[in-house]
Amino acid sequence: MSSYQELPVYKSTYDLLLGIFQFTKGFSKEYKYTVGETLKKQTLDLLVLVYRANTKKDKIAVLQEAREHIEVIRLLIRVMNDLHQINLSTFVQINQKVEDVSRQLTGWQRAQK
């Protein structure tokens, strides 16, 4: 079993987390402590799920939960974009990170079936 820190999906999720911490700083007060905190928590939880999936023999349920988290993150980012809390270039950048993590989780889940 490889170290979870060496997993490409772990590295991508960690990168996404750092990006989310960066761009939520710019949210207006109205969203910073609601959606901003939810985004950070969802992404932190996702990082923990990647770690857990790597340590479990049966990974499918954990990977499904991780995929649900990435979809919630995707939805919240879209809402923040629609509410003009994120500029277009940041939205595109963060969405690429979300897509990267999502693609890796999907591939990992397929490989387990």
PDB file of N, CA and C in Angstrom:
ATOM      1  N   MET A   1       0.858  -1.191   0.000  1.00  0.00           N
ATOM      2  CA  MET A   1       0.000   0.000   0.000  1.00  0.00           C
ATOM      3  C   MET A   1       0.898   1.246   0.000  1.00  0.00           C
ATOM      4  N   SER A   2       0.628   2.100  -0.951  1.00  0.00           N
ATOM      5  CA  SER A   2       1.434   3.322  -1.026  1.00  0.00           C
ATOM      6  C   SER A   2       0.954   4.337   0.001  1.00  0.00           C
ATOM      7  N   SER A   3       1.827   5.252   0.321  1.00  0.00           N
ATOM      8  CA  SER A   3       1.449   6.325   1.235  1.00  0.00           C
ATOM      9  C   SER A   3       0.365   7.171   0.560  1.00  0.00           C
ATOM     10  N   TYR A   4      -0.671   7.493   1.301  1.00  0.00           N
ATOM     11  CA  TYR A   4      -1.770   8.287   0.742  1.00  0.00           C
ATOM     12  C   TYR A   4      -1.273   9.629   0.209  1.00  0.00           C
ATOM     13  N   GLN A   5      -0.192  10.152   0.794  1.00  0.00           N
ATOM     14  CA  GLN A   5       0.325  11.453   0.364  1.00  0.00           C
ATOM     15  C   GLN A   5       0.939  11.407  -1.029  1.00  0.00           C
ATOM     16  N   GLU A   6       1.255  10.203  -1.499  1.00  0.00           N
ATOM     17  CA  GLU A   6       1.832  10.054  -2.821  1.00  0.00           C
ATOM     18  C   GLU A   6       0.764   9.855  -3.903  1.00  0.00           C
ATOM     19  N   LEU A   7      -0.455   9.608  -3.490  1.00  0.00           N
ATOM     20  CA  LEU A   7      -1.536   9.387  -4.452  1.00  0.00           C
ATOM     21  C   LEU A   7      -1.808  10.657  -5.256  1.00  0.00           C
ATOM     22  N   PRO A   8      -1.902  10.547  -6.575  1.00  0.00           N
ATOM     23  CA  PRO A   8      -2.243  11.730  -7.379  1.00  0.00           C
ATOM     24  C   PRO A   8      -3.568  12.373  -6.952  1.00  0.00           C
ATOM     25  N   VAL A   9      -4.560  11.558  -6.586  1.00  0.00           N
ATOM     26  CA  VAL A   9      -5.854  12.117  -6.175  1.00  0.00           C
ATOM     27  C   VAL A   9      -5.735  12.859  -4.845  1.00  0.00           C
ATOM     28  N   TYR A  10      -4.859  12.400  -3.966  1.00  0.00           N
ATOM     29  CA  TYR A  10      -4.630  13.108  -2.705  1.00  0.00           C
ATOM     30  C   TYR A  10      -3.984  14.457  -2.994  1.00  0.00           C
ATOM     31  N   LYS A  11      -2.965  14.446  -3.847  1.00  0.00           N
ATOM     32  CA  LYS A  11      -2.275  15.693  -4.201  1.00  0.00           C
ATOM     33  C   LYS A  11      -3.237  16.679  -4.868  1.00  0.00           C
ATOM     34  N   SER A  12      -4.080  16.175  -5.762  1.00  0.00           N
ATOM     35  CA  SER A  12      -5.052  17.040  -6.449  1.00  0.00           C
ATOM     36  C   SER A  12      -6.088  17.600  -5.480  1.00  0.00           C
ATOM     37  N   THR A  13      -6.533  16.768  -4.540  1.00  0.00           N
ATOM     38  CA  THR A  13      -7.513  17.218  -3.545  1.00  0.00           C
ATOM     39  C   THR A  13      -6.889  18.255  -2.612  1.00  0.00           C
ATOM     40  N   TYR A  14      -5.648  18.039  -2.222  1.00  0.00           N
ATOM     41  CA  TYR A  14      -4.934  18.992  -1.372  1.00  0.00           C
ATOM     42  C   TYR A  14      -4.786  20.333  -2.098  1.00  0.00           C
ATOM     43  N   ASP A  15      -4.454  20.266  -3.374  1.00  0.00           N
ATOM     44  CA  ASP A  15      -4.329  21.464  -4.209  1.00  0.00           C
ATOM     45  C   ASP A  15      -5.672  22.197  -4.301  1.00  0.00           C
ATOM     46  N   LEU A  16      -6.741  21.433  -4.460  1.00  0.00           N
ATOM     47  CA  LEU A  16      -8.088  22.011  -4.487  1.00  0.00           C
ATOM     48  C   LEU A  16      -8.397  22.698  -3.154  1.00  0.00           C
ATOM     49  N   LEU A  17      -8.049  22.046  -2.054  1.00  0.00           N
ATOM     50  CA  LEU A  17      -8.285  22.622  -0.724  1.00  0.00           C
ATOM     51  C   LEU A  17      -7.577  23.964  -0.573  1.00  0.00           C
ATOM     52  N   LEU A  18      -6.313  24.015  -0.984  1.00  0.00           N
ATOM     53  CA  LEU A  18      -5.575  25.276  -0.900  1.00  0.00           C
ATOM     54  C   LEU A  18      -6.248  26.351  -1.760  1.00  0.00           C
ATOM     55  N   GLY A  19      -6.689  25.972  -2.947  1.00  0.00           N
ATOM     56  CA  GLY A  19      -7.386  26.910  -3.830  1.00  0.00           C
ATOM     57  C   GLY A  19      -8.665  27.431  -3.206  1.00  0.00           C
ATOM     58  N   ILE A  20      -9.399  26.553  -2.557  1.00  0.00           N
ATOM     59  CA  ILE A  20     -10.660  26.956  -1.914  1.00  0.00           C
ATOM     60  C   ILE A  20     -10.386  27.887  -0.737  1.00  0.00           C
ATOM     61  N   PHE A  21      -9.372  27.602   0.048  1.00  0.00           N
ATOM     62  CA  PHE A  21      -9.021  28.508   1.145  1.00  0.00           C
ATOM     63  C   PHE A  21      -8.654  29.892   0.597  1.00  0.00           C
ATOM     64  N   GLN A  22      -7.960  29.926  -0.542  1.00  0.00           N
ATOM     65  CA  GLN A  22      -7.581  31.200  -1.150  1.00  0.00           C
ATOM     66  C   GLN A  22      -8.802  31.986  -1.626  1.00  0.00           C
ATOM     67  N   PHE A  23      -9.656  31.337  -2.421  1.00  0.00           N
ATOM     68  CA  PHE A  23     -10.720  32.132  -3.034  1.00  0.00           C
ATOM     69  C   PHE A  23     -11.880  32.431  -2.108  1.00  0.00           C
ATOM     70  N   THR A  24     -12.054  31.680  -1.015  1.00  0.00           N
ATOM     71  CA  THR A  24     -13.139  32.025  -0.086  1.00  0.00           C
ATOM     72  C   THR A  24     -12.808  33.271   0.733  1.00  0.00           C
ATOM     73  N   LYS A  25     -11.527  33.639   0.788  1.00  0.00           N
ATOM     74  CA  LYS A  25     -11.132  34.873   1.498  1.00  0.00           C
ATOM     75  C   LYS A  25     -11.831  36.091   0.910  1.00  0.00           C
ATOM     76  N   GLY A  26     -12.084  36.049  -0.384  1.00  0.00           N
ATOM     77  CA  GLY A  26     -12.673  37.193  -1.068  1.00  0.00           C
ATOM     78  C   GLY A  26     -14.186  37.250  -1.015  1.00  0.00           C
ATOM     79  N   PHE A  27     -14.824  36.257  -0.423  1.00  0.00           N
ATOM     80  CA  PHE A  27     -16.284  36.260  -0.338  1.00  0.00           C
ATOM     81  C   PHE A  27     -16.757  37.415   0.541  1.00  0.00           C
ATOM     82  N   SER A  28     -17.910  37.967   0.207  1.00  0.00           N
ATOM     83  CA  SER A  28     -18.489  38.987   1.084  1.00  0.00           C
ATOM     84  C   SER A  28     -18.883  38.322   2.400  1.00  0.00           C
ATOM     85  N   LYS A  29     -19.024  39.143   3.428  1.00  0.00           N
ATOM     86  CA  LYS A  29     -19.322  38.647   4.772  1.00  0.00           C
ATOM     87  C   LYS A  29     -20.548  37.727   4.773  1.00  0.00           C
ATOM     88  N   GLU A  30     -21.513  38.076   3.953  1.00  0.00           N
ATOM     89  CA  GLU A  30     -22.753  37.304   3.878  1.00  0.00           C
ATOM     90  C   GLU A  30     -22.506  35.837   3.530  1.00  0.00           C
ATOM     91  N   TYR A  31     -21.496  35.553   2.700  1.00  0.00           N
ATOM     92  CA  TYR A  31     -21.237  34.187   2.231  1.00  0.00           C
ATOM     93  C   TYR A  31     -20.012  33.537   2.859  1.00  0.00           C
ATOM     94  N   LYS A  32     -19.100  34.367   3.383  1.00  0.00           N
ATOM     95  CA  LYS A  32     -17.828  33.850   3.901  1.00  0.00           C
ATOM     96  C   LYS A  32     -18.031  32.825   5.010  1.00  0.00           C
ATOM     97  N   TYR A  33     -18.957  33.108   5.918  1.00  0.00           N
ATOM     98  CA  TYR A  33     -19.120  32.249   7.096  1.00  0.00           C
ATOM     99  C   TYR A  33     -20.204  31.203   6.918  1.00  0.00           C
ATOM    100  N   THR A  34     -20.831  31.183   5.766  1.00  0.00           N
ATOM    101  CA  THR A  34     -21.832  30.151   5.486  1.00  0.00           C
ATOM    102  C   THR A  34     -21.292  29.245   4.382  1.00  0.00           C
ATOM    103  N   VAL A  35     -21.401  29.687   3.163  1.00  0.00           N
ATOM    104  CA  VAL A  35     -20.960  28.884   2.022  1.00  0.00           C
ATOM    105  C   VAL A  35     -19.444  28.676   2.055  1.00  0.00           C
ATOM    106  N   GLY A  36     -18.694  29.702   2.413  1.00  0.00           N
ATOM    107  CA  GLY A  36     -17.235  29.588   2.471  1.00  0.00           C
ATOM    108  C   GLY A  36     -16.787  28.498   3.438  1.00  0.00           C
ATOM    109  N   GLU A  37     -17.373  28.504   4.631  1.00  0.00           N
ATOM    110  CA  GLU A  37     -17.024  27.481   5.625  1.00  0.00           C
ATOM    111  C   GLU A  37     -17.483  26.097   5.176  1.00  0.00           C
ATOM    112  N   THR A  38     -18.644  26.023   4.555  1.00  0.00           N
ATOM    113  CA  THR A  38     -19.145  24.740   4.051  1.00  0.00           C
ATOM    114  C   THR A  38     -18.215  24.184   2.978  1.00  0.00           C
ATOM    115  N   LEU A  39     -17.774  25.054   2.079  1.00  0.00           N
ATOM    116  CA  LEU A  39     -16.838  24.629   1.033  1.00  0.00           C
ATOM    117  C   LEU A  39     -15.549  24.081   1.637  1.00  0.00           C
ATOM    118  N   LYS A  40     -15.018  24.793   2.622  1.00  0.00           N
ATOM    119  CA  LYS A  40     -13.775  24.345   3.256  1.00  0.00           C
ATOM    120  C   LYS A  40     -13.981  23.006   3.960  1.00  0.00           C
ATOM    121  N   LYS A  41     -15.087  22.878   4.680  1.00  0.00           N
ATOM    122  CA  LYS A  41     -15.373  21.632   5.409  1.00  0.00           C
ATOM    123  C   LYS A  41     -15.574  20.470   4.441  1.00  0.00           C
ATOM    124  N   GLN A  42     -16.329  20.686   3.384  1.00  0.00           N
ATOM    125  CA  GLN A  42     -16.555  19.619   2.401  1.00  0.00           C
ATOM    126  C   GLN A  42     -15.234  19.150   1.785  1.00  0.00           C
ATOM    127  N   THR A  43     -14.344  20.086   1.498  1.00  0.00           N
ATOM    128  CA  THR A  43     -13.074  19.741   0.866  1.00  0.00           C
ATOM    129  C   THR A  43     -12.143  19.056   1.865  1.00  0.00           C
ATOM    130  N   LEU A  44     -12.132  19.519   3.114  1.00  0.00           N
ATOM    131  CA  LEU A  44     -11.354  18.837   4.154  1.00  0.00           C
ATOM    132  C   LEU A  44     -11.861  17.407   4.348  1.00  0.00           C
ATOM    133  N   ASP A  45     -13.189  17.259   4.400  1.00  0.00           N
ATOM    134  CA  ASP A  45     -13.784  15.923   4.537  1.00  0.00           C
ATOM    135  C   ASP A  45     -13.403  15.046   3.347  1.00  0.00           C
ATOM    136  N   LEU A  46     -13.383  15.623   2.160  1.00  0.00           N
ATOM    137  CA  LEU A  46     -12.997  14.889   0.957  1.00  0.00           C
ATOM    138  C   LEU A  46     -11.562  14.380   1.083  1.00  0.00           C
ATOM    139  N   LEU A  47     -10.672  15.224   1.579  1.00  0.00           N
ATOM    140  CA  LEU A  47      -9.276  14.832   1.770  1.00  0.00           C
ATOM    141  C   LEU A  47      -9.171  13.645   2.734  1.00  0.00           C
ATOM    142  N   VAL A  48      -9.961  13.677   3.799  1.00  0.00           N
ATOM    143  CA  VAL A  48      -9.986  12.575   4.766  1.00  0.00           C
ATOM    144  C   VAL A  48     -10.526  11.306   4.101  1.00  0.00           C
ATOM    145  N   LEU A  49     -11.532  11.449   3.260  1.00  0.00           N
ATOM    146  CA  LEU A  49     -12.098  10.285   2.572  1.00  0.00           C
ATOM    147  C   LEU A  49     -11.082   9.644   1.618  1.00  0.00           C
ATOM    148  N   VAL A  50     -10.281  10.460   0.962  1.00  0.00           N
ATOM    149  CA  VAL A  50      -9.228   9.925   0.082  1.00  0.00           C
ATOM    150  C   VAL A  50      -8.247   9.104   0.921  1.00  0.00           C
ATOM    151  N   TYR A  51      -7.876   9.631   2.061  1.00  0.00           N
ATOM    152  CA  TYR A  51      -6.991   8.905   2.976  1.00  0.00           C
ATOM    153  C   TYR A  51      -7.652   7.586   3.399  1.00  0.00           C
ATOM    154  N   ARG A  52      -8.921   7.658   3.817  1.00  0.00           N
ATOM    155  CA  ARG A  52      -9.627   6.459   4.285  1.00  0.00           C
ATOM    156  C   ARG A  52      -9.753   5.422   3.184  1.00  0.00           C
ATOM    157  N   ALA A  53     -10.063   5.856   1.977  1.00  0.00           N
ATOM    158  CA  ALA A  53     -10.204   4.918   0.859  1.00  0.00           C
ATOM    159  C   ALA A  53      -8.892   4.183   0.614  1.00  0.00           C
ATOM    160  N   ASN A  54      -7.785   4.878   0.772  1.00  0.00           N
ATOM    161  CA  ASN A  54      -6.478   4.266   0.532  1.00  0.00           C
ATOM    162  C   ASN A  54      -6.139   3.212   1.587  1.00  0.00           C
ATOM    163  N   THR A  55      -6.705   3.340   2.789  1.00  0.00           N
ATOM    164  CA  THR A  55      -6.363   2.403   3.860  1.00  0.00           C
ATOM    165  C   THR A  55      -7.339   1.235   3.962  1.00  0.00           C
ATOM    166  N   LYS A  56      -8.484   1.321   3.289  1.00  0.00           N
ATOM    167  CA  LYS A  56      -9.498   0.264   3.395  1.00  0.00           C
ATOM    168  C   LYS A  56      -9.332  -0.782   2.301  1.00  0.00           C
ATOM    169  N   LYS A  57      -9.717  -1.991   2.653  1.00  0.00           N
ATOM    170  CA  LYS A  57      -9.703  -3.073   1.666  1.00  0.00           C
ATOM    171  C   LYS A  57     -10.875  -2.872   0.696  1.00  0.00           C
ATOM    172  N   ASP A  58     -12.060  -2.611   1.256  1.00  0.00           N
ATOM    173  CA  ASP A  58     -13.244  -2.346   0.423  1.00  0.00           C
ATOM    174  C   ASP A  58     -13.414  -0.833   0.314  1.00  0.00           C
ATOM    175  N   LYS A  59     -13.021  -0.300  -0.822  1.00  0.00           N
ATOM    176  CA  LYS A  59     -12.961   1.146  -1.013  1.00  0.00           C
ATOM    177  C   LYS A  59     -14.238   1.742  -1.615  1.00  0.00           C
ATOM    178  N   ILE A  60     -15.099   0.917  -2.180  1.00  0.00           N
ATOM    179  CA  ILE A  60     -16.202   1.417  -3.005  1.00  0.00           C
ATOM    180  C   ILE A  60     -17.118   2.394  -2.259  1.00  0.00           C
ATOM    181  N   ALA A  61     -17.538   2.061  -1.047  1.00  0.00           N
ATOM    182  CA  ALA A  61     -18.453   2.942  -0.299  1.00  0.00           C
ATOM    183  C   ALA A  61     -17.790   4.287   0.031  1.00  0.00           C
ATOM    184  N   VAL A  62     -16.517   4.234   0.412  1.00  0.00           N
ATOM    185  CA  VAL A  62     -15.789   5.463   0.755  1.00  0.00           C
ATOM    186  C   VAL A  62     -15.600   6.324  -0.497  1.00  0.00           C
ATOM    187  N   LEU A  63     -15.276   5.683  -1.611  1.00  0.00           N
ATOM    188  CA  LEU A  63     -15.105   6.429  -2.862  1.00  0.00           C
ATOM    189  C   LEU A  63     -16.418   7.039  -3.323  1.00  0.00           C
ATOM    190  N   GLN A  64     -17.538   6.344  -3.100  1.00  0.00           N
ATOM    191  CA  GLN A  64     -18.844   6.905  -3.454  1.00  0.00           C
ATOM    192  C   GLN A  64     -19.123   8.150  -2.610  1.00  0.00           C
ATOM    193  N   GLU A  65     -18.808   8.076  -1.337  1.00  0.00           N
ATOM    194  CA  GLU A  65     -18.994   9.233  -0.453  1.00  0.00           C
ATOM    195  C   GLU A  65     -18.106  10.398  -0.899  1.00  0.00           C
ATOM    196  N   ALA A  66     -16.877  10.087  -1.304  1.00  0.00           N
ATOM    197  CA  ALA A  66     -15.958  11.122  -1.794  1.00  0.00           C
ATOM    198  C   ALA A  66     -16.522  11.772  -3.057  1.00  0.00           C
ATOM    199  N   ARG A  67     -17.093  10.969  -3.945  1.00  0.00           N
ATOM    200  CA  ARG A  67     -17.672  11.520  -5.169  1.00  0.00           C
ATOM    201  C   ARG A  67     -18.871  12.416  -4.859  1.00  0.00           C
ATOM    202  N   GLU A  68     -19.637  12.071  -3.821  1.00  0.00           N
ATOM    203  CA  GLU A  68     -20.751  12.937  -3.407  1.00  0.00           C
ATOM    204  C   GLU A  68     -20.212  14.274  -2.898  1.00  0.00           C
ATOM    205  N   HIS A  69     -19.130  14.246  -2.158  1.00  0.00           N
ATOM    206  CA  HIS A  69     -18.522  15.488  -1.658  1.00  0.00           C
ATOM    207  C   HIS A  69     -18.054  16.371  -2.809  1.00  0.00           C
ATOM    208  N   ILE A  70     -17.429  15.774  -3.820  1.00  0.00           N
ATOM    209  CA  ILE A  70     -16.920  16.589  -4.926  1.00  0.00           C
ATOM    210  C   ILE A  70     -18.080  17.227  -5.688  1.00  0.00           C
ATOM    211  N   GLU A  71     -19.220  16.544  -5.749  1.00  0.00           N
ATOM    212  CA  GLU A  71     -20.389  17.127  -6.434  1.00  0.00           C
ATOM    213  C   GLU A  71     -20.973  18.289  -5.635  1.00  0.00           C
ATOM    214  N   VAL A  72     -20.984  18.173  -4.316  1.00  0.00           N
ATOM    215  CA  VAL A  72     -21.450  19.281  -3.462  1.00  0.00           C
ATOM    216  C   VAL A  72     -20.514  20.478  -3.631  1.00  0.00           C
ATOM    217  N   ILE A  73     -19.213  20.208  -3.652  1.00  0.00           N
ATOM    218  CA  ILE A  73     -18.225  21.274  -3.846  1.00  0.00           C
ATOM    219  C   ILE A  73     -18.452  21.955  -5.192  1.00  0.00           C
ATOM    220  N   ARG A  74     -18.655  21.160  -6.234  1.00  0.00           N
ATOM    221  CA  ARG A  74     -18.905  21.699  -7.576  1.00  0.00           C
ATOM    222  C   ARG A  74     -20.148  22.604  -7.567  1.00  0.00           C
ATOM    223  N   LEU A  75     -21.205  22.144  -6.906  1.00  0.00           N
ATOM    224  CA  LEU A  75     -22.455  22.908  -6.831  1.00  0.00           C
ATOM    225  C   LEU A  75     -22.252  24.234  -6.090  1.00  0.00           C
ATOM    226  N   LEU A  76     -21.574  24.201  -4.953  1.00  0.00           N
ATOM    227  CA  LEU A  76     -21.356  25.418  -4.164  1.00  0.00           C
ATOM    228  C   LEU A  76     -20.493  26.431  -4.918  1.00  0.00           C
ATOM    229  N   ILE A  77     -19.511  25.941  -5.643  1.00  0.00           N
ATOM    230  CA  ILE A  77     -18.664  26.843  -6.430  1.00  0.00           C
ATOM    231  C   ILE A  77     -19.492  27.510  -7.524  1.00  0.00           C
ATOM    232  N   ARG A  78     -20.368  26.734  -8.135  1.00  0.00           N
ATOM    233  CA  ARG A  78     -21.228  27.303  -9.177  1.00  0.00           C
ATOM    234  C   ARG A  78     -22.161  28.377  -8.605  1.00  0.00           C
ATOM    235  N   VAL A  79     -22.725  28.106  -7.437  1.00  0.00           N
ATOM    236  CA  VAL A  79     -23.599  29.090  -6.782  1.00  0.00           C
ATOM    237  C   VAL A  79     -22.818  30.371  -6.492  1.00  0.00           C
ATOM    238  N   MET A  80     -21.595  30.234  -5.981  1.00  0.00           N
ATOM    239  CA  MET A  80     -20.778  31.413  -5.675  1.00  0.00           C
ATOM    240  C   MET A  80     -20.426  32.190  -6.945  1.00  0.00           C
ATOM    241  N   ASN A  81     -20.232  31.479  -8.030  1.00  0.00           N
ATOM    242  CA  ASN A  81     -19.990  32.148  -9.307  1.00  0.00           C
ATOM    243  C   ASN A  81     -21.235  32.920  -9.735  1.00  0.00           C
ATOM    244  N   ASP A  82     -22.392  32.283  -9.627  1.00  0.00           N
ATOM    245  CA  ASP A  82     -23.649  32.937 -10.012  1.00  0.00           C
ATOM    246  C   ASP A  82     -23.970  34.140  -9.132  1.00  0.00           C
ATOM    247  N   LEU A  83     -23.488  34.115  -7.894  1.00  0.00           N
ATOM    248  CA  LEU A  83     -23.694  35.243  -6.972  1.00  0.00           C
ATOM    249  C   LEU A  83     -22.552  36.259  -7.058  1.00  0.00           C
ATOM    250  N   HIS A  84     -21.690  36.102  -8.064  1.00  0.00           N
ATOM    251  CA  HIS A  84     -20.583  37.028  -8.345  1.00  0.00           C
ATOM    252  C   HIS A  84     -19.595  37.150  -7.190  1.00  0.00           C
ATOM    253  N   GLN A  85     -19.343  36.021  -6.518  1.00  0.00           N
ATOM    254  CA  GLN A  85     -18.346  36.002  -5.448  1.00  0.00           C
ATOM    255  C   GLN A  85     -16.986  35.543  -5.959  1.00  0.00           C
ATOM    256  N   ILE A  86     -16.976  35.039  -7.189  1.00  0.00           N
ATOM    257  CA  ILE A  86     -15.747  34.529  -7.802  1.00  0.00           C
ATOM    258  C   ILE A  86     -15.651  35.137  -9.189  1.00  0.00           C
ATOM    259  N   ASN A  87     -14.469  35.607  -9.570  1.00  0.00           N
ATOM    260  CA  ASN A  87     -14.329  36.103 -10.936  1.00  0.00           C
ATOM    261  C   ASN A  87     -14.185  34.917 -11.888  1.00  0.00           C
ATOM    262  N   LEU A  88     -14.360  35.158 -13.162  1.00  0.00           N
ATOM    263  CA  LEU A  88     -14.406  34.087 -14.147  1.00  0.00           C
ATOM    264  C   LEU A  88     -13.121  33.264 -14.196  1.00  0.00           C
ATOM    265  N   SER A  89     -11.963  33.921 -14.149  1.00  0.00           N
ATOM    266  CA  SER A  89     -10.706  33.156 -14.239  1.00  0.00           C
ATOM    267  C   SER A  89     -10.532  32.239 -13.026  1.00  0.00           C
ATOM    268  N   THR A  90     -10.907  32.721 -11.840  1.00  0.00           N
ATOM    269  CA  THR A  90     -10.825  31.889 -10.634  1.00  0.00           C
ATOM    270  C   THR A  90     -11.810  30.737 -10.734  1.00  0.00           C
ATOM    271  N   PHE A  91     -13.007  31.035 -11.228  1.00  0.00           N
ATOM    272  CA  PHE A  91     -14.035  29.995 -11.399  1.00  0.00           C
ATOM    273  C   PHE A  91     -13.528  28.890 -12.324  1.00  0.00           C
ATOM    274  N   VAL A  92     -12.936  29.277 -13.443  1.00  0.00           N
ATOM    275  CA  VAL A  92     -12.415  28.306 -14.409  1.00  0.00           C
ATOM    276  C   VAL A  92     -11.284  27.488 -13.772  1.00  0.00           C
ATOM    277  N   GLN A  93     -10.374  28.177 -13.089  1.00  0.00           N
ATOM    278  CA  GLN A  93      -9.238  27.512 -12.430  1.00  0.00           C
ATOM    279  C   GLN A  93      -9.700  26.492 -11.390  1.00  0.00           C
ATOM    280  N   ILE A  94     -10.607  26.908 -10.524  1.00  0.00           N
ATOM    281  CA  ILE A  94     -11.048  26.023  -9.441  1.00  0.00           C
ATOM    282  C   ILE A  94     -11.887  24.878 -10.007  1.00  0.00           C
ATOM    283  N   ASN A  95     -12.634  25.151 -11.063  1.00  0.00           N
ATOM    284  CA  ASN A  95     -13.425  24.100 -11.696  1.00  0.00           C
ATOM    285  C   ASN A  95     -12.541  23.042 -12.343  1.00  0.00           C
ATOM    286  N   GLN A  96     -11.402  23.451 -12.880  1.00  0.00           N
ATOM    287  CA  GLN A  96     -10.456  22.483 -13.452  1.00  0.00           C
ATOM    288  C   GLN A  96      -9.927  21.563 -12.351  1.00  0.00           C
ATOM    289  N   LYS A  97      -9.681  22.114 -11.178  1.00  0.00           N
ATOM    290  CA  LYS A  97      -9.206  21.309 -10.055  1.00  0.00           C
ATOM    291  C   LYS A  97     -10.295  20.334  -9.599  1.00  0.00           C
ATOM    292  N   VAL A  98     -11.527  20.820  -9.541  1.00  0.00           N
ATOM    293  CA  VAL A  98     -12.649  19.966  -9.161  1.00  0.00           C
ATOM    294  C   VAL A  98     -12.791  18.830 -10.174  1.00  0.00           C
ATOM    295  N   GLU A  99     -12.719  19.170 -11.444  1.00  0.00           N
ATOM    296  CA  GLU A  99     -12.856  18.171 -12.505  1.00  0.00           C
ATOM    297  C   GLU A  99     -11.738  17.139 -12.435  1.00  0.00           C
ATOM    298  N   ASP A 100     -10.525  17.573 -12.145  1.00  0.00           N
ATOM    299  CA  ASP A 100      -9.383  16.680 -12.019  1.00  0.00           C
ATOM    300  C   ASP A 100      -9.616  15.668 -10.891  1.00  0.00           C
ATOM    301  N   VAL A 101     -10.035  16.151  -9.729  1.00  0.00           N
ATOM    302  CA  VAL A 101     -10.302  15.270  -8.589  1.00  0.00           C
ATOM    303  C   VAL A 101     -11.452  14.318  -8.930  1.00  0.00           C
ATOM    304  N   SER A 102     -12.518  14.848  -9.516  1.00  0.00           N
ATOM    305  CA  SER A 102     -13.684  14.049  -9.863  1.00  0.00           C
ATOM    306  C   SER A 102     -13.310  12.911 -10.817  1.00  0.00           C
ATOM    307  N   ARG A 103     -12.527  13.236 -11.826  1.00  0.00           N
ATOM    308  CA  ARG A 103     -12.097  12.242 -12.818  1.00  0.00           C
ATOM    309  C   ARG A 103     -11.270  11.134 -12.152  1.00  0.00           C
ATOM    310  N   GLN A 104     -10.367  11.528 -11.262  1.00  0.00           N
ATOM    311  CA  GLN A 104      -9.530  10.539 -10.575  1.00  0.00           C
ATOM    312  C   GLN A 104     -10.345   9.645  -9.639  1.00  0.00           C
ATOM    313  N   LEU A 105     -11.306  10.245  -8.928  1.00  0.00           N
ATOM    314  CA  LEU A 105     -12.163   9.452  -8.037  1.00  0.00           C
ATOM    315  C   LEU A 105     -12.987   8.450  -8.839  1.00  0.00           C
ATOM    316  N   THR A 106     -13.522   8.900  -9.974  1.00  0.00           N
ATOM    317  CA  THR A 106     -14.323   8.029 -10.841  1.00  0.00           C
ATOM    318  C   THR A 106     -13.467   6.864 -11.349  1.00  0.00           C
ATOM    319  N   GLY A 107     -12.262   7.166 -11.795  1.00  0.00           N
ATOM    320  CA  GLY A 107     -11.363   6.122 -12.280  1.00  0.00           C
ATOM    321  C   GLY A 107     -11.007   5.122 -11.183  1.00  0.00           C
ATOM    322  N   TRP A 108     -10.735   5.630 -10.002  1.00  0.00           N
ATOM    323  CA  TRP A 108     -10.379   4.785  -8.863  1.00  0.00           C
ATOM    324  C   TRP A 108     -11.548   3.876  -8.511  1.00  0.00           C
ATOM    325  N   GLN A 109     -12.757   4.464  -8.524  1.00  0.00           N
ATOM    326  CA  GLN A 109     -13.952   3.693  -8.193  1.00  0.00           C
ATOM    327  C   GLN A 109     -14.190   2.586  -9.235  1.00  0.00           C
ATOM    328  N   ARG A 110     -14.031   2.924 -10.506  1.00  0.00           N
ATOM    329  CA  ARG A 110     -14.182   1.926 -11.588  1.00  0.00           C
ATOM    330  C   ARG A 110     -13.193   0.791 -11.432  1.00  0.00           C
ATOM    331  N   ALA A 111     -11.974   1.130 -11.070  1.00  0.00           N
ATOM    332  CA  ALA A 111     -10.922   0.121 -10.911  1.00  0.00           C
ATOM    333  C   ALA A 111     -11.224  -0.852  -9.767  1.00  0.00           C
ATOM    334  N   GLN A 112     -12.050  -0.425  -8.807  1.00  0.00           N
ATOM    335  CA  GLN A 112     -12.387  -1.262  -7.659  1.00  0.00           C
ATOM    336  C   GLN A 112     -13.506  -2.253  -7.949  1.00  0.00           C
ATOM    337  N   LYS A 113     -14.274  -1.975  -9.011  1.00  0.00           N
ATOM    338  CA  LYS A 113     -15.445  -2.834  -9.306  1.00  0.00           C
ATOM    339  C   LYS A 113     -15.057  -4.075 -10.076  1.00  0.00           C
TER     340      LYS A 113
END
